[in-house]
Amino acid sequence: MALSYKARRRWALVILLIGLPLYVVAAVNVIDLFERPSILVELMVYVGLGFLWALPFRFIFRGIGQADPNEKADG
């Protein structure tokens, strides 16, 4: 079952305000478990992880910045 526009907006907000900071903390802690790599390797790891976190949530974020498609326009 597909999520409604309002439900996707709410989930996007939860993901950005709660999930993303938790993911950032987890990513930094995972890097700290190993000996610190060179700055370029570390940058590439963070860019890769920054891209990977959004992949499972593409369907939630798609179209969120647009107007509600179910809302009737005054005409």
N, C-alpha and C. Protein backbone atom coordinates (compact mmCIF):
# COMPACT_ATOMS: atom_id res chain seq x y z
N MET A 1 0.84 -1.17 0.00
CA MET A 1 0.00 0.00 0.00
C MET A 1 0.89 1.24 0.00
N ALA A 2 0.58 2.17 -0.86
CA ALA A 2 1.37 3.39 -0.98
C ALA A 2 1.00 4.37 0.13
N LEU A 3 1.99 5.10 0.57
CA LEU A 3 1.76 6.11 1.60
C LEU A 3 1.14 7.36 0.98
N SER A 4 0.29 8.01 1.72
CA SER A 4 -0.29 9.26 1.23
C SER A 4 0.77 10.35 1.27
N TYR A 5 0.46 11.46 0.61
CA TYR A 5 1.39 12.58 0.54
C TYR A 5 1.70 13.10 1.94
N LYS A 6 0.68 13.25 2.77
CA LYS A 6 0.89 13.77 4.14
C LYS A 6 1.69 12.79 4.98
N ALA A 7 1.44 11.50 4.82
CA ALA A 7 2.21 10.51 5.57
C ALA A 7 3.68 10.52 5.14
N ARG A 8 3.93 10.66 3.84
CA ARG A 8 5.31 10.74 3.37
C ARG A 8 6.00 11.98 3.90
N ARG A 9 5.28 13.11 3.98
CA ARG A 9 5.87 14.33 4.54
C ARG A 9 6.24 14.13 6.01
N ARG A 10 5.36 13.50 6.76
CA ARG A 10 5.64 13.25 8.18
C ARG A 10 6.84 12.32 8.35
N TRP A 11 6.88 11.24 7.57
CA TRP A 11 7.99 10.30 7.66
C TRP A 11 9.30 10.96 7.24
N ALA A 12 9.25 11.81 6.22
CA ALA A 12 10.45 12.52 5.79
C ALA A 12 10.97 13.41 6.91
N LEU A 13 10.07 14.08 7.62
CA LEU A 13 10.48 14.92 8.73
C LEU A 13 11.11 14.09 9.85
N VAL A 14 10.51 12.97 10.17
CA VAL A 14 11.07 12.09 11.21
C VAL A 14 12.45 11.58 10.80
N ILE A 15 12.57 11.18 9.55
CA ILE A 15 13.86 10.66 9.07
C ILE A 15 14.93 11.74 9.13
N LEU A 16 14.59 12.96 8.72
CA LEU A 16 15.59 14.03 8.71
C LEU A 16 15.94 14.54 10.10
N LEU A 17 14.98 14.60 11.00
CA LEU A 17 15.24 15.17 12.32
C LEU A 17 15.77 14.15 13.33
N ILE A 18 15.42 12.89 13.17
CA ILE A 18 15.85 11.87 14.13
C ILE A 18 16.81 10.87 13.50
N GLY A 19 16.43 10.33 12.36
CA GLY A 19 17.22 9.27 11.73
C GLY A 19 18.56 9.73 11.21
N LEU A 20 18.60 10.87 10.54
CA LEU A 20 19.85 11.34 9.95
C LEU A 20 20.90 11.68 11.01
N PRO A 21 20.57 12.41 12.08
CA PRO A 21 21.60 12.63 13.11
C PRO A 21 22.10 11.33 13.74
N LEU A 22 21.21 10.36 13.95
CA LEU A 22 21.66 9.08 14.49
C LEU A 22 22.58 8.36 13.51
N TYR A 23 22.29 8.46 12.24
CA TYR A 23 23.13 7.85 11.21
C TYR A 23 24.51 8.52 11.17
N VAL A 24 24.55 9.82 11.31
CA VAL A 24 25.82 10.54 11.30
C VAL A 24 26.68 10.11 12.49
N VAL A 25 26.08 10.03 13.65
CA VAL A 25 26.82 9.60 14.84
C VAL A 25 27.33 8.18 14.66
N ALA A 26 26.51 7.30 14.11
CA ALA A 26 26.93 5.92 13.88
C ALA A 26 28.07 5.86 12.86
N ALA A 27 27.99 6.65 11.80
CA ALA A 27 29.05 6.65 10.79
C ALA A 27 30.37 7.12 11.36
N VAL A 28 30.33 8.17 12.17
CA VAL A 28 31.56 8.68 12.78
C VAL A 28 32.14 7.65 13.75
N ASN A 29 31.28 6.99 14.51
CA ASN A 29 31.77 5.98 15.45
C ASN A 29 32.36 4.77 14.73
N VAL A 30 31.80 4.39 13.59
CA VAL A 30 32.36 3.27 12.83
C VAL A 30 33.74 3.63 12.28
N ILE A 31 33.90 4.85 11.79
CA ILE A 31 35.22 5.28 11.30
C ILE A 31 36.23 5.30 12.44
N ASP A 32 35.80 5.69 13.64
CA ASP A 32 36.71 5.76 14.78
C ASP A 32 37.13 4.39 15.30
N LEU A 33 36.43 3.34 14.92
CA LEU A 33 36.81 2.00 15.35
C LEU A 33 38.13 1.56 14.71
N PHE A 34 38.42 2.08 13.54
CA PHE A 34 39.63 1.72 12.81
C PHE A 34 40.66 2.83 12.98
N GLU A 35 41.89 2.49 12.62
CA GLU A 35 42.92 3.52 12.64
C GLU A 35 42.54 4.60 11.63
N ARG A 36 42.69 5.84 12.00
CA ARG A 36 42.23 6.95 11.16
C ARG A 36 42.93 6.92 9.80
N PRO A 37 42.12 6.83 8.71
CA PRO A 37 42.71 6.80 7.37
C PRO A 37 43.13 8.20 6.94
N SER A 38 43.72 8.28 5.76
CA SER A 38 44.10 9.61 5.24
C SER A 38 42.83 10.43 5.01
N ILE A 39 43.01 11.72 4.92
CA ILE A 39 41.87 12.62 4.82
C ILE A 39 41.05 12.36 3.56
N LEU A 40 41.68 12.01 2.45
CA LEU A 40 40.94 11.73 1.22
C LEU A 40 40.12 10.45 1.32
N VAL A 41 40.69 9.43 1.92
CA VAL A 41 39.96 8.17 2.11
C VAL A 41 38.78 8.40 3.05
N GLU A 42 39.02 9.14 4.12
CA GLU A 42 37.96 9.44 5.07
C GLU A 42 36.85 10.25 4.41
N LEU A 43 37.21 11.21 3.59
CA LEU A 43 36.23 12.00 2.86
C LEU A 43 35.40 11.14 1.92
N MET A 44 36.07 10.23 1.20
CA MET A 44 35.34 9.35 0.29
C MET A 44 34.38 8.43 1.05
N VAL A 45 34.79 7.94 2.22
CA VAL A 45 33.92 7.09 3.02
C VAL A 45 32.70 7.88 3.47
N TYR A 46 32.89 9.09 3.94
CA TYR A 46 31.76 9.90 4.40
C TYR A 46 30.83 10.28 3.25
N VAL A 47 31.38 10.58 2.09
CA VAL A 47 30.54 10.89 0.92
C VAL A 47 29.75 9.64 0.51
N GLY A 48 30.40 8.50 0.51
CA GLY A 48 29.70 7.25 0.18
C GLY A 48 28.60 6.93 1.17
N LEU A 49 28.89 7.07 2.46
CA LEU A 49 27.86 6.82 3.47
C LEU A 49 26.74 7.85 3.38
N GLY A 50 27.09 9.09 3.03
CA GLY A 50 26.08 10.12 2.87
C GLY A 50 25.14 9.83 1.72
N PHE A 51 25.65 9.19 0.70
CA PHE A 51 24.81 8.79 -0.43
C PHE A 51 23.98 7.56 -0.08
N LEU A 52 24.58 6.60 0.61
CA LEU A 52 23.90 5.34 0.90
C LEU A 52 22.71 5.48 1.85
N TRP A 53 22.75 6.44 2.77
CA TRP A 53 21.65 6.54 3.73
C TRP A 53 20.34 6.89 3.05
N ALA A 54 20.40 7.61 1.95
CA ALA A 54 19.18 8.08 1.30
C ALA A 54 18.56 7.04 0.37
N LEU A 55 19.31 6.06 -0.07
CA LEU A 55 18.78 5.09 -1.03
C LEU A 55 17.51 4.38 -0.56
N PRO A 56 17.45 3.89 0.67
CA PRO A 56 16.21 3.20 1.06
C PRO A 56 15.01 4.13 1.21
N PHE A 57 15.24 5.44 1.29
CA PHE A 57 14.16 6.39 1.55
C PHE A 57 13.78 7.21 0.33
N ARG A 58 14.24 6.82 -0.85
CA ARG A 58 13.95 7.60 -2.06
C ARG A 58 12.46 7.77 -2.27
N PHE A 59 11.68 6.71 -2.08
CA PHE A 59 10.26 6.79 -2.35
C PHE A 59 9.55 7.73 -1.38
N ILE A 60 10.10 7.91 -0.20
CA ILE A 60 9.48 8.83 0.77
C ILE A 60 9.78 10.27 0.39
N PHE A 61 11.00 10.55 -0.03
CA PHE A 61 11.39 11.93 -0.33
C PHE A 61 10.97 12.40 -1.71
N ARG A 62 10.62 11.50 -2.60
CA ARG A 62 10.27 11.88 -3.96
C ARG A 62 8.96 12.68 -3.97
N GLY A 63 9.05 13.93 -4.45
CA GLY A 63 7.87 14.78 -4.60
C GLY A 63 7.46 15.53 -3.35
N ILE A 64 8.22 15.46 -2.28
CA ILE A 64 7.85 16.12 -1.03
C ILE A 64 7.88 17.63 -1.17
N GLY A 65 8.76 18.16 -1.99
CA GLY A 65 8.87 19.61 -2.14
C GLY A 65 7.79 20.21 -3.02
N GLN A 66 6.99 19.38 -3.66
CA GLN A 66 5.92 19.86 -4.53
C GLN A 66 4.65 20.09 -3.72
N ALA A 67 3.69 20.75 -4.36
CA ALA A 67 2.39 20.96 -3.72
C ALA A 67 1.67 19.61 -3.61
N ASP A 68 0.75 19.53 -2.65
CA ASP A 68 -0.02 18.31 -2.43
C ASP A 68 -0.84 18.00 -3.69
N PRO A 69 -0.63 16.86 -4.32
CA PRO A 69 -1.35 16.54 -5.55
C PRO A 69 -2.85 16.28 -5.31
N ASN A 70 -3.22 15.96 -4.09
CA ASN A 70 -4.62 15.68 -3.78
C ASN A 70 -5.40 16.93 -3.39
N GLU A 71 -4.70 18.02 -3.17
CA GLU A 71 -5.35 19.27 -2.75
C GLU A 71 -5.99 19.93 -3.97
N LYS A 72 -7.22 20.35 -3.82
CA LYS A 72 -7.92 20.99 -4.93
C LYS A 72 -7.48 22.43 -5.08
N ALA A 73 -7.14 22.81 -6.29
CA ALA A 73 -6.71 24.20 -6.56
C ALA A 73 -7.93 25.07 -6.77
N ASP A 74 -7.83 26.32 -6.28
CA ASP A 74 -8.91 27.28 -6.52
C ASP A 74 -8.84 27.71 -7.97
N GLY A 75 -9.95 27.63 -8.65
CA GLY A 75 -9.89 27.93 -10.06
C GLY A 75 -10.96 28.81 -10.48
